Amino acid sequence: MLKLFIALQLTVLTVRDALEDRARIQRDERGSVTIQEVLWAVAAIAIVGIVVAAIRAFVTSESGKIK
């Protein structure tokens, strides 16, 4: 009876480890593309914000010169 219990426990542990490995491999790559796209979007928004601020400052300073 003890041999059966030990064999069953080893089988369950082996299957559990295999499932955890499979889940960890899937989790390692999942979402990496999304994070990269979000970072590029944030960078693009920041660049656009800087350009808009520069244009706005230029137009404001030039409009002050109009008589």
Protein backbone atom coordinates (compact mmCIF):
# COMPACT_ATOMS: atom_id res chain seq x y z
CA MET A 1 0.00 0.00 0.00
CA LEU A 2 2.85 2.37 0.80
CA LYS A 3 4.45 1.69 -2.61
CA LEU A 4 1.19 2.56 -4.34
CA PHE A 5 0.88 5.81 -2.36
CA ILE A 6 4.48 6.79 -3.17
CA ALA A 7 4.01 5.99 -6.87
CA LEU A 8 0.79 7.99 -6.97
CA GLN A 9 2.42 10.94 -5.20
CA LEU A 10 5.39 10.92 -7.60
CA THR A 11 3.04 10.80 -10.57
CA VAL A 12 1.01 13.73 -9.29
CA LEU A 13 4.13 15.77 -8.57
CA THR A 14 5.58 15.04 -12.01
CA VAL A 15 2.37 16.06 -13.77
CA ARG A 16 2.11 19.20 -11.63
CA ASP A 17 5.69 20.20 -12.43
CA ALA A 18 5.10 19.65 -16.15
CA LEU A 19 1.97 21.81 -16.06
CA GLU A 20 3.76 24.56 -14.12
CA ASP A 21 6.62 24.54 -16.64
CA ARG A 22 4.18 24.79 -19.50
CA ALA A 23 2.30 27.65 -17.82
CA ARG A 24 5.52 29.51 -17.00
CA ILE A 25 6.76 29.28 -20.59
CA GLN A 26 3.48 30.71 -21.85
CA ARG A 27 3.48 33.50 -19.27
CA ASP A 28 7.05 34.54 -20.03
CA GLU A 29 6.20 35.70 -23.55
CA ARG A 30 2.58 36.60 -23.16
CA GLY A 31 2.02 40.36 -23.08
CA SER A 32 5.50 41.37 -24.14
CA VAL A 33 4.27 42.69 -27.49
CA THR A 34 1.52 44.64 -25.79
CA ILE A 35 3.96 46.26 -23.36
CA GLN A 36 6.25 47.17 -26.24
CA GLU A 37 3.38 48.73 -28.17
CA VAL A 38 2.28 50.72 -25.12
CA LEU A 39 5.81 52.05 -24.63
CA TRP A 40 6.01 53.11 -28.29
CA ALA A 41 2.62 54.80 -27.99
CA VAL A 42 3.73 56.69 -24.88
CA ALA A 43 6.94 57.76 -26.65
CA ALA A 44 4.97 58.94 -29.70
CA ILE A 45 2.55 60.91 -27.52
CA ALA A 46 5.46 62.53 -25.68
CA ILE A 47 7.14 63.52 -28.94
CA VAL A 48 3.91 64.96 -30.31
CA GLY A 49 3.39 66.88 -27.07
CA ILE A 50 6.87 68.39 -27.31
CA VAL A 51 6.32 69.39 -30.96
CA VAL A 52 2.93 70.93 -30.16
CA ALA A 53 4.42 72.89 -27.25
CA ALA A 54 7.26 74.17 -29.46
CA ILE A 55 4.88 75.24 -32.25
CA ARG A 56 2.54 76.87 -29.76
CA ALA A 57 5.40 78.83 -28.17
CA PHE A 58 6.63 79.93 -31.59
CA VAL A 59 3.18 81.03 -32.76
CA THR A 60 2.54 82.85 -29.47
CA SER A 61 5.84 84.72 -29.67
CA GLU A 62 5.31 85.63 -33.34
CA SER A 63 1.74 86.76 -32.79
CA GLY A 64 3.01 89.24 -30.23
CA LYS A 65 5.02 90.93 -33.00
CA ILE A 66 1.93 91.65 -35.11
CA LYS A 67 0.85 95.31 -35.01
